[in-house]
Amino acid sequence: MDRFTLRALAALLVCYDSEAEWTLTKLSAKLGIPRQAGSHALKRLASEGLIRRAPHPVDGRVTLLQLTPSGRALCSSLAKPSKTRFSPREVVHRGAPR
């Protein structure tokens, strides 16, 4: 699995693991990656039908990120307990556990 895919999966899991409203800026900051890298990851997730972008109800300059039902199902399967826990930031910067 390449770094790009790991970033996309980490972004997906961050959105799944929180009730917060996510934007590209907030998500990139949470993962500790540049906005451009976050944007590429989100485009890939959107093309796979795992997230959708929705306009902010008040601020037209902001786009909110929402998991699709397919995205939630994938996250649910990925978030099952394991013996080793890694934060999304650790996965993005260190790579997947071997």
PDB file of N, CA and C in Angstrom:
ATOM      1  N   MET A   1       0.856  -1.175   0.000  1.00  0.00           N
ATOM      2  CA  MET A   1       0.000   0.000   0.000  1.00  0.00           C
ATOM      3  C   MET A   1       0.904   1.240   0.000  1.00  0.00           C
ATOM      4  N   ASP A   2       0.647   2.179  -0.885  1.00  0.00           N
ATOM      5  CA  ASP A   2       1.506   3.350  -0.964  1.00  0.00           C
ATOM      6  C   ASP A   2       1.077   4.442   0.018  1.00  0.00           C
ATOM      7  N   ARG A   3       1.961   5.417   0.190  1.00  0.00           N
ATOM      8  CA  ARG A   3       1.705   6.516   1.137  1.00  0.00           C
ATOM      9  C   ARG A   3       0.428   7.272   0.813  1.00  0.00           C
ATOM     10  N   PHE A   4       0.161   7.434  -0.488  1.00  0.00           N
ATOM     11  CA  PHE A   4      -1.039   8.163  -0.901  1.00  0.00           C
ATOM     12  C   PHE A   4      -2.289   7.439  -0.417  1.00  0.00           C
ATOM     13  N   THR A   5      -2.311   6.130  -0.607  1.00  0.00           N
ATOM     14  CA  THR A   5      -3.463   5.353  -0.173  1.00  0.00           C
ATOM     15  C   THR A   5      -3.611   5.403   1.341  1.00  0.00           C
ATOM     16  N   LEU A   6      -2.493   5.353   2.051  1.00  0.00           N
ATOM     17  CA  LEU A   6      -2.540   5.442   3.511  1.00  0.00           C
ATOM     18  C   LEU A   6      -3.117   6.778   3.960  1.00  0.00           C
ATOM     19  N   ARG A   7      -2.734   7.847   3.303  1.00  0.00           N
ATOM     20  CA  ARG A   7      -3.283   9.159   3.652  1.00  0.00           C
ATOM     21  C   ARG A   7      -4.788   9.178   3.436  1.00  0.00           C
ATOM     22  N   ALA A   8      -5.230   8.621   2.325  1.00  0.00           N
ATOM     23  CA  ALA A   8      -6.664   8.603   2.034  1.00  0.00           C
ATOM     24  C   ALA A   8      -7.414   7.799   3.089  1.00  0.00           C
ATOM     25  N   LEU A   9      -6.883   6.639   3.459  1.00  0.00           N
ATOM     26  CA  LEU A   9      -7.542   5.829   4.477  1.00  0.00           C
ATOM     27  C   LEU A   9      -7.521   6.508   5.836  1.00  0.00           C
ATOM     28  N   ALA A  10      -6.413   7.158   6.173  1.00  0.00           N
ATOM     29  CA  ALA A  10      -6.343   7.877   7.449  1.00  0.00           C
ATOM     30  C   ALA A  10      -7.374   8.995   7.480  1.00  0.00           C
ATOM     31  N   ALA A  11      -7.519   9.718   6.365  1.00  0.00           N
ATOM     32  CA  ALA A  11      -8.517  10.786   6.293  1.00  0.00           C
ATOM     33  C   ALA A  11      -9.917  10.227   6.485  1.00  0.00           C
ATOM     34  N   LEU A  12     -10.176   9.111   5.854  1.00  0.00           N
ATOM     35  CA  LEU A  12     -11.483   8.482   5.965  1.00  0.00           C
ATOM     36  C   LEU A  12     -11.775   8.084   7.416  1.00  0.00           C
ATOM     37  N   LEU A  13     -10.802   7.492   8.076  1.00  0.00           N
ATOM     38  CA  LEU A  13     -10.995   7.056   9.460  1.00  0.00           C
ATOM     39  C   LEU A  13     -11.163   8.214  10.421  1.00  0.00           C
ATOM     40  N   VAL A  14     -10.456   9.309  10.185  1.00  0.00           N
ATOM     41  CA  VAL A  14     -10.615  10.493  11.040  1.00  0.00           C
ATOM     42  C   VAL A  14     -12.048  11.000  10.949  1.00  0.00           C
ATOM     43  N   CYS A  15     -12.590  11.070   9.740  1.00  0.00           N
ATOM     44  CA  CYS A  15     -13.971  11.529   9.571  1.00  0.00           C
ATOM     45  C   CYS A  15     -14.948  10.572  10.250  1.00  0.00           C
ATOM     46  N   TYR A  16     -14.670   9.288  10.175  1.00  0.00           N
ATOM     47  CA  TYR A  16     -15.557   8.271  10.753  1.00  0.00           C
ATOM     48  C   TYR A  16     -15.538   8.320  12.276  1.00  0.00           C
ATOM     49  N   ASP A  17     -14.384   8.587  12.843  1.00  0.00           N
ATOM     50  CA  ASP A  17     -14.178   8.496  14.282  1.00  0.00           C
ATOM     51  C   ASP A  17     -14.624   9.747  15.036  1.00  0.00           C
ATOM     52  N   SER A  18     -15.289  10.649  14.383  1.00  0.00           N
ATOM     53  CA  SER A  18     -15.643  11.909  15.022  1.00  0.00           C
ATOM     54  C   SER A  18     -16.984  12.410  14.501  1.00  0.00           C
ATOM     55  N   GLU A  19     -17.690  13.086  15.356  1.00  0.00           N
ATOM     56  CA  GLU A  19     -18.955  13.705  14.958  1.00  0.00           C
ATOM     57  C   GLU A  19     -18.751  15.124  14.439  1.00  0.00           C
ATOM     58  N   ALA A  20     -17.512  15.586  14.454  1.00  0.00           N
ATOM     59  CA  ALA A  20     -17.215  16.958  14.038  1.00  0.00           C
ATOM     60  C   ALA A  20     -17.497  17.149  12.546  1.00  0.00           C
ATOM     61  N   GLU A  21     -17.722  18.392  12.172  1.00  0.00           N
ATOM     62  CA  GLU A  21     -17.824  18.736  10.757  1.00  0.00           C
ATOM     63  C   GLU A  21     -16.398  18.907  10.242  1.00  0.00           C
ATOM     64  N   TRP A  22     -16.055  18.187   9.189  1.00  0.00           N
ATOM     65  CA  TRP A  22     -14.696  18.226   8.665  1.00  0.00           C
ATOM     66  C   TRP A  22     -14.616  19.032   7.383  1.00  0.00           C
ATOM     67  N   THR A  23     -13.551  19.817   7.299  1.00  0.00           N
ATOM     68  CA  THR A  23     -13.210  20.542   6.079  1.00  0.00           C
ATOM     69  C   THR A  23     -11.806  20.083   5.685  1.00  0.00           C
ATOM     70  N   LEU A  24     -11.392  20.420   4.486  1.00  0.00           N
ATOM     71  CA  LEU A  24     -10.043  20.073   4.038  1.00  0.00           C
ATOM     72  C   LEU A  24      -9.002  20.642   4.993  1.00  0.00           C
ATOM     73  N   THR A  25      -9.153  21.879   5.399  1.00  0.00           N
ATOM     74  CA  THR A  25      -8.178  22.522   6.277  1.00  0.00           C
ATOM     75  C   THR A  25      -8.080  21.812   7.621  1.00  0.00           C
ATOM     76  N   LYS A  26      -9.214  21.523   8.237  1.00  0.00           N
ATOM     77  CA  LYS A  26      -9.209  20.854   9.540  1.00  0.00           C
ATOM     78  C   LYS A  26      -8.651  19.438   9.441  1.00  0.00           C
ATOM     79  N   LEU A  27      -9.021  18.737   8.388  1.00  0.00           N
ATOM     80  CA  LEU A  27      -8.564  17.364   8.227  1.00  0.00           C
ATOM     81  C   LEU A  27      -7.053  17.311   7.972  1.00  0.00           C
ATOM     82  N   SER A  28      -6.554  18.189   7.133  1.00  0.00           N
ATOM     83  CA  SER A  28      -5.118  18.227   6.859  1.00  0.00           C
ATOM     84  C   SER A  28      -4.325  18.548   8.123  1.00  0.00           C
ATOM     85  N   ALA A  29      -4.829  19.477   8.916  1.00  0.00           N
ATOM     86  CA  ALA A  29      -4.154  19.825  10.174  1.00  0.00           C
ATOM     87  C   ALA A  29      -4.161  18.639  11.133  1.00  0.00           C
ATOM     88  N   LYS A  30      -5.267  17.932  11.227  1.00  0.00           N
ATOM     89  CA  LYS A  30      -5.378  16.775  12.117  1.00  0.00           C
ATOM     90  C   LYS A  30      -4.376  15.686  11.733  1.00  0.00           C
ATOM     91  N   LEU A  31      -4.186  15.482  10.424  1.00  0.00           N
ATOM     92  CA  LEU A  31      -3.273  14.451   9.946  1.00  0.00           C
ATOM     93  C   LEU A  31      -1.830  14.933   9.861  1.00  0.00           C
ATOM     94  N   GLY A  32      -1.626  16.236   9.982  1.00  0.00           N
ATOM     95  CA  GLY A  32      -0.270  16.774   9.894  1.00  0.00           C
ATOM     96  C   GLY A  32       0.309  16.704   8.495  1.00  0.00           C
ATOM     97  N   ILE A  33      -0.545  16.927   7.499  1.00  0.00           N
ATOM     98  CA  ILE A  33      -0.099  16.893   6.101  1.00  0.00           C
ATOM     99  C   ILE A  33      -0.462  18.215   5.434  1.00  0.00           C
ATOM    100  N   PRO A  34       0.221  18.558   4.343  1.00  0.00           N
ATOM    101  CA  PRO A  34      -0.129  19.783   3.613  1.00  0.00           C
ATOM    102  C   PRO A  34      -1.537  19.688   3.033  1.00  0.00           C
ATOM    103  N   ARG A  35      -2.175  20.827   2.861  1.00  0.00           N
ATOM    104  CA  ARG A  35      -3.530  20.851   2.291  1.00  0.00           C
ATOM    105  C   ARG A  35      -3.574  20.199   0.918  1.00  0.00           C
ATOM    106  N   GLN A  36      -2.515  20.395   0.129  1.00  0.00           N
ATOM    107  CA  GLN A  36      -2.491  19.806  -1.210  1.00  0.00           C
ATOM    108  C   GLN A  36      -2.543  18.284  -1.124  1.00  0.00           C
ATOM    109  N   ALA A  37      -1.802  17.697  -0.205  1.00  0.00           N
ATOM    110  CA  ALA A  37      -1.829  16.240  -0.030  1.00  0.00           C
ATOM    111  C   ALA A  37      -3.212  15.793   0.433  1.00  0.00           C
ATOM    112  N   GLY A  38      -3.814  16.567   1.329  1.00  0.00           N
ATOM    113  CA  GLY A  38      -5.168  16.257   1.788  1.00  0.00           C
ATOM    114  C   GLY A  38      -6.168  16.336   0.652  1.00  0.00           C
ATOM    115  N   SER A  39      -6.011  17.329  -0.203  1.00  0.00           N
ATOM    116  CA  SER A  39      -6.911  17.493  -1.340  1.00  0.00           C
ATOM    117  C   SER A  39      -6.829  16.297  -2.284  1.00  0.00           C
ATOM    118  N   HIS A  40      -5.618  15.840  -2.563  1.00  0.00           N
ATOM    119  CA  HIS A  40      -5.449  14.672  -3.433  1.00  0.00           C
ATOM    120  C   HIS A  40      -6.097  13.430  -2.814  1.00  0.00           C
ATOM    121  N   ALA A  41      -5.905  13.258  -1.509  1.00  0.00           N
ATOM    122  CA  ALA A  41      -6.491  12.101  -0.828  1.00  0.00           C
ATOM    123  C   ALA A  41      -8.016  12.161  -0.899  1.00  0.00           C
ATOM    124  N   LEU A  42      -8.576  13.343  -0.680  1.00  0.00           N
ATOM    125  CA  LEU A  42     -10.034  13.488  -0.708  1.00  0.00           C
ATOM    126  C   LEU A  42     -10.601  13.277  -2.107  1.00  0.00           C
ATOM    127  N   LYS A  43      -9.876  13.718  -3.121  1.00  0.00           N
ATOM    128  CA  LYS A  43     -10.333  13.481  -4.501  1.00  0.00           C
ATOM    129  C   LYS A  43     -10.402  11.991  -4.783  1.00  0.00           C
ATOM    130  N   ARG A  44      -9.412  11.272  -4.296  1.00  0.00           N
ATOM    131  CA  ARG A  44      -9.414   9.815  -4.514  1.00  0.00           C
ATOM    132  C   ARG A  44     -10.590   9.165  -3.781  1.00  0.00           C
ATOM    133  N   LEU A  45     -10.817   9.576  -2.545  1.00  0.00           N
ATOM    134  CA  LEU A  45     -11.940   9.026  -1.784  1.00  0.00           C
ATOM    135  C   LEU A  45     -13.269   9.340  -2.460  1.00  0.00           C
ATOM    136  N   ALA A  46     -13.403  10.550  -2.983  1.00  0.00           N
ATOM    137  CA  ALA A  46     -14.637  10.942  -3.671  1.00  0.00           C
ATOM    138  C   ALA A  46     -14.819  10.124  -4.952  1.00  0.00           C
ATOM    139  N   SER A  47     -13.732   9.901  -5.676  1.00  0.00           N
ATOM    140  CA  SER A  47     -13.849   9.129  -6.915  1.00  0.00           C
ATOM    141  C   SER A  47     -14.220   7.673  -6.647  1.00  0.00           C
ATOM    142  N   GLU A  48     -13.893   7.185  -5.462  1.00  0.00           N
ATOM    143  CA  GLU A  48     -14.248   5.819  -5.067  1.00  0.00           C
ATOM    144  C   GLU A  48     -15.644   5.758  -4.434  1.00  0.00           C
ATOM    145  N   GLY A  49     -16.285   6.925  -4.275  1.00  0.00           N
ATOM    146  CA  GLY A  49     -17.624   6.967  -3.696  1.00  0.00           C
ATOM    147  C   GLY A  49     -17.648   6.805  -2.184  1.00  0.00           C
ATOM    148  N   LEU A  50     -16.524   7.119  -1.525  1.00  0.00           N
ATOM    149  CA  LEU A  50     -16.438   6.947  -0.075  1.00  0.00           C
ATOM    150  C   LEU A  50     -16.754   8.219   0.703  1.00  0.00           C
ATOM    151  N   ILE A  51     -16.570   9.371   0.071  1.00  0.00           N
ATOM    152  CA  ILE A  51     -16.963  10.642   0.684  1.00  0.00           C
ATOM    153  C   ILE A  51     -17.684  11.483  -0.355  1.00  0.00           C
ATOM    154  N   ARG A  52     -18.386  12.487   0.136  1.00  0.00           N
ATOM    155  CA  ARG A  52     -18.967  13.493  -0.761  1.00  0.00           C
ATOM    156  C   ARG A  52     -18.699  14.852  -0.135  1.00  0.00           C
ATOM    157  N   ARG A  53     -18.696  15.820  -0.970  1.00  0.00           N
ATOM    158  CA  ARG A  53     -18.489  17.194  -0.519  1.00  0.00           C
ATOM    159  C   ARG A  53     -19.830  17.906  -0.551  1.00  0.00           C
ATOM    160  N   ALA A  54     -20.084  18.660   0.509  1.00  0.00           N
ATOM    161  CA  ALA A  54     -21.358  19.373   0.605  1.00  0.00           C
ATOM    162  C   ALA A  54     -21.073  20.825   0.953  1.00  0.00           C
ATOM    163  N   PRO A  55     -21.853  21.751   0.414  1.00  0.00           N
ATOM    164  CA  PRO A  55     -21.643  23.162   0.759  1.00  0.00           C
ATOM    165  C   PRO A  55     -21.979  23.413   2.227  1.00  0.00           C
ATOM    166  N   HIS A  56     -21.195  24.279   2.843  1.00  0.00           N
ATOM    167  CA  HIS A  56     -21.479  24.694   4.223  1.00  0.00           C
ATOM    168  C   HIS A  56     -22.781  25.487   4.210  1.00  0.00           C
ATOM    169  N   PRO A  57     -23.682  25.246   5.152  1.00  0.00           N
ATOM    170  CA  PRO A  57     -24.987  25.921   5.124  1.00  0.00           C
ATOM    171  C   PRO A  57     -24.915  27.433   5.341  1.00  0.00           C
ATOM    172  N   VAL A  58     -23.835  27.912   5.964  1.00  0.00           N
ATOM    173  CA  VAL A  58     -23.734  29.341   6.261  1.00  0.00           C
ATOM    174  C   VAL A  58     -22.626  30.024   5.459  1.00  0.00           C
ATOM    175  N   ASP A  59     -21.464  29.375   5.383  1.00  0.00           N
ATOM    176  CA  ASP A  59     -20.298  29.969   4.733  1.00  0.00           C
ATOM    177  C   ASP A  59     -20.081  29.316   3.371  1.00  0.00           C
ATOM    178  N   GLY A  60     -20.438  30.002   2.323  1.00  0.00           N
ATOM    179  CA  GLY A  60     -20.340  29.470   0.972  1.00  0.00           C
ATOM    180  C   GLY A  60     -18.927  29.190   0.505  1.00  0.00           C
ATOM    181  N   ARG A  61     -17.921  29.716   1.218  1.00  0.00           N
ATOM    182  CA  ARG A  61     -16.525  29.465   0.840  1.00  0.00           C
ATOM    183  C   ARG A  61     -16.039  28.118   1.334  1.00  0.00           C
ATOM    184  N   VAL A  62     -16.777  27.501   2.235  1.00  0.00           N
ATOM    185  CA  VAL A  62     -16.335  26.275   2.898  1.00  0.00           C
ATOM    186  C   VAL A  62     -17.110  25.074   2.356  1.00  0.00           C
ATOM    187  N   THR A  63     -16.389  23.984   2.152  1.00  0.00           N
ATOM    188  CA  THR A  63     -16.999  22.727   1.743  1.00  0.00           C
ATOM    189  C   THR A  63     -16.846  21.727   2.876  1.00  0.00           C
ATOM    190  N   LEU A  64     -17.944  21.099   3.251  1.00  0.00           N
ATOM    191  CA  LEU A  64     -17.916  20.084   4.299  1.00  0.00           C
ATOM    192  C   LEU A  64     -17.719  18.707   3.677  1.00  0.00           C
ATOM    193  N   LEU A  65     -17.036  17.851   4.399  1.00  0.00           N
ATOM    194  CA  LEU A  65     -16.787  16.492   3.946  1.00  0.00           C
ATOM    195  C   LEU A  65     -17.732  15.554   4.677  1.00  0.00           C
ATOM    196  N   GLN A  66     -18.364  14.665   3.937  1.00  0.00           N
ATOM    197  CA  GLN A  66     -19.300  13.721   4.535  1.00  0.00           C
ATOM    198  C   GLN A  66     -18.999  12.328   4.029  1.00  0.00           C
ATOM    199  N   LEU A  67     -19.033  11.357   4.926  1.00  0.00           N
ATOM    200  CA  LEU A  67     -18.872   9.968   4.524  1.00  0.00           C
ATOM    201  C   LEU A  67     -20.148   9.492   3.844  1.00  0.00           C
ATOM    202  N   THR A  68     -19.995   8.721   2.808  1.00  0.00           N
ATOM    203  CA  THR A  68     -21.143   8.074   2.165  1.00  0.00           C
ATOM    204  C   THR A  68     -21.436   6.781   2.933  1.00  0.00           C
ATOM    205  N   PRO A  69     -22.560   6.154   2.674  1.00  0.00           N
ATOM    206  CA  PRO A  69     -22.805   4.853   3.303  1.00  0.00           C
ATOM    207  C   PRO A  69     -21.679   3.837   3.020  1.00  0.00           C
ATOM    208  N   SER A  70     -21.133   3.859   1.808  1.00  0.00           N
ATOM    209  CA  SER A  70     -20.012   2.965   1.479  1.00  0.00           C
ATOM    210  C   SER A  70     -18.778   3.307   2.308  1.00  0.00           C
ATOM    211  N   GLY A  71     -18.542   4.594   2.506  1.00  0.00           N
ATOM    212  CA  GLY A  71     -17.407   5.029   3.328  1.00  0.00           C
ATOM    213  C   GLY A  71     -17.572   4.600   4.770  1.00  0.00           C
ATOM    214  N   ARG A  72     -18.783   4.722   5.296  1.00  0.00           N
ATOM    215  CA  ARG A  72     -19.046   4.286   6.676  1.00  0.00           C
ATOM    216  C   ARG A  72     -18.850   2.778   6.825  1.00  0.00           C
ATOM    217  N   ALA A  73     -19.317   2.029   5.846  1.00  0.00           N
ATOM    218  CA  ALA A  73     -19.171   0.566   5.905  1.00  0.00           C
ATOM    219  C   ALA A  73     -17.702   0.160   5.881  1.00  0.00           C
ATOM    220  N   LEU A  74     -16.906   0.815   5.027  1.00  0.00           N
ATOM    221  CA  LEU A  74     -15.484   0.506   4.972  1.00  0.00           C
ATOM    222  C   LEU A  74     -14.813   0.852   6.300  1.00  0.00           C
ATOM    223  N   CYS A  75     -15.122   2.009   6.834  1.00  0.00           N
ATOM    224  CA  CYS A  75     -14.529   2.424   8.113  1.00  0.00           C
ATOM    225  C   CYS A  75     -14.920   1.470   9.229  1.00  0.00           C
ATOM    226  N   SER A  76     -16.147   1.048   9.231  1.00  0.00           N
ATOM    227  CA  SER A  76     -16.610   0.123  10.257  1.00  0.00           C
ATOM    228  C   SER A  76     -15.793  -1.161  10.225  1.00  0.00           C
ATOM    229  N   SER A  77     -15.508  -1.652   9.032  1.00  0.00           N
ATOM    230  CA  SER A  77     -14.714  -2.876   8.931  1.00  0.00           C
ATOM    231  C   SER A  77     -13.252  -2.633   9.291  1.00  0.00           C
ATOM    232  N   LEU A  78     -12.725  -1.453   8.976  1.00  0.00           N
ATOM    233  CA  LEU A  78     -11.328  -1.130   9.300  1.00  0.00           C
ATOM    234  C   LEU A  78     -11.130  -0.800  10.776  1.00  0.00           C
ATOM    235  N   ALA A  79     -12.172  -0.326  11.420  1.00  0.00           N
ATOM    236  CA  ALA A  79     -12.047   0.149  12.797  1.00  0.00           C
ATOM    237  C   ALA A  79     -12.252  -0.955  13.832  1.00  0.00           C
ATOM    238  N   LYS A  80     -12.409  -2.186  13.389  1.00  0.00           N
ATOM    239  CA  LYS A  80     -12.574  -3.277  14.346  1.00  0.00           C
ATOM    240  C   LYS A  80     -11.319  -3.380  15.210  1.00  0.00           C
ATOM    241  N   PRO A  81     -11.480  -3.733  16.471  1.00  0.00           N
ATOM    242  CA  PRO A  81     -10.331  -3.776  17.388  1.00  0.00           C
ATOM    243  C   PRO A  81      -9.218  -4.704  16.899  1.00  0.00           C
ATOM    244  N   SER A  82      -8.011  -4.262  17.139  1.00  0.00           N
ATOM    245  CA  SER A  82      -6.845  -5.095  16.862  1.00  0.00           C
ATOM    246  C   SER A  82      -5.906  -4.984  18.055  1.00  0.00           C
ATOM    247  N   LYS A  83      -4.892  -5.811  18.069  1.00  0.00           N
ATOM    248  CA  LYS A  83      -3.953  -5.791  19.188  1.00  0.00           C
ATOM    249  C   LYS A  83      -3.090  -4.535  19.179  1.00  0.00           C
ATOM    250  N   THR A  84      -2.791  -4.028  18.011  1.00  0.00           N
ATOM    251  CA  THR A  84      -1.925  -2.862  17.883  1.00  0.00           C
ATOM    252  C   THR A  84      -2.753  -1.677  17.421  1.00  0.00           C
ATOM    253  N   ARG A  85      -2.652  -0.565  18.113  1.00  0.00           N
ATOM    254  CA  ARG A  85      -3.396   0.640  17.750  1.00  0.00           C
ATOM    255  C   ARG A  85      -2.429   1.696  17.243  1.00  0.00           C
ATOM    256  N   PHE A  86      -2.773   2.324  16.136  1.00  0.00           N
ATOM    257  CA  PHE A  86      -1.993   3.409  15.569  1.00  0.00           C
ATOM    258  C   PHE A  86      -2.939   4.573  15.319  1.00  0.00           C
ATOM    259  N   SER A  87      -2.474   5.764  15.605  1.00  0.00           N
ATOM    260  CA  SER A  87      -3.283   6.934  15.286  1.00  0.00           C
ATOM    261  C   SER A  87      -3.199   7.165  13.779  1.00  0.00           C
ATOM    262  N   PRO A  88      -4.201   7.854  13.187  1.00  0.00           N
ATOM    263  CA  PRO A  88      -4.120   8.150  11.747  1.00  0.00           C
ATOM    264  C   PRO A  88      -2.846   8.907  11.386  1.00  0.00           C
ATOM    265  N   ARG A  89      -2.403   9.796  12.262  1.00  0.00           N
ATOM    266  CA  ARG A  89      -1.177  10.561  11.995  1.00  0.00           C
ATOM    267  C   ARG A  89       0.034   9.632  11.926  1.00  0.00           C
ATOM    268  N   GLU A  90       0.111   8.642  12.819  1.00  0.00           N
ATOM    269  CA  GLU A  90       1.223   7.691  12.800  1.00  0.00           C
ATOM    270  C   GLU A  90       1.237   6.893  11.498  1.00  0.00           C
ATOM    271  N   VAL A  91       0.075   6.476  11.044  1.00  0.00           N
ATOM    272  CA  VAL A  91       0.003   5.694   9.810  1.00  0.00           C
ATOM    273  C   VAL A  91       0.467   6.521   8.625  1.00  0.00           C
ATOM    274  N   VAL A  92       0.055   7.783   8.559  1.00  0.00           N
ATOM    275  CA  VAL A  92       0.428   8.649   7.443  1.00  0.00           C
ATOM    276  C   VAL A  92       1.937   8.857   7.400  1.00  0.00           C
ATOM    277  N   HIS A  93       2.555   9.075   8.551  1.00  0.00           N
ATOM    278  CA  HIS A  93       3.966   9.425   8.571  1.00  0.00           C
ATOM    279  C   HIS A  93       4.911   8.225   8.644  1.00  0.00           C
ATOM    280  N   ARG A  94       4.475   7.117   9.210  1.00  0.00           N
ATOM    281  CA  ARG A  94       5.356   5.950   9.362  1.00  0.00           C
ATOM    282  C   ARG A  94       5.044   4.837   8.394  1.00  0.00           C
ATOM    283  N   GLY A  95       3.861   4.810   7.865  1.00  0.00           N
ATOM    284  CA  GLY A  95       3.462   3.722   6.989  1.00  0.00           C
ATOM    285  C   GLY A  95       2.693   2.677   7.761  1.00  0.00           C
ATOM    286  N   ALA A  96       2.126   1.754   7.051  1.00  0.00           N
ATOM    287  CA  ALA A  96       1.310   0.721   7.668  1.00  0.00           C
ATOM    288  C   ALA A  96       2.174  -0.220   8.494  1.00  0.00           C
ATOM    289  N   PRO A  97       1.622  -0.760   9.573  1.00  0.00           N
ATOM    290  CA  PRO A  97       2.364  -1.736  10.346  1.00  0.00           C
ATOM    291  C   PRO A  97       2.606  -2.993   9.530  1.00  0.00           C
ATOM    292  N   ARG A  98       3.735  -3.616   9.752  1.00  0.00           N
ATOM    293  CA  ARG A  98       4.078  -4.837   9.016  1.00  0.00           C
ATOM    294  C   ARG A  98       3.994  -6.032   9.908  1.00  0.00           C
TER     295      ARG A  98
END
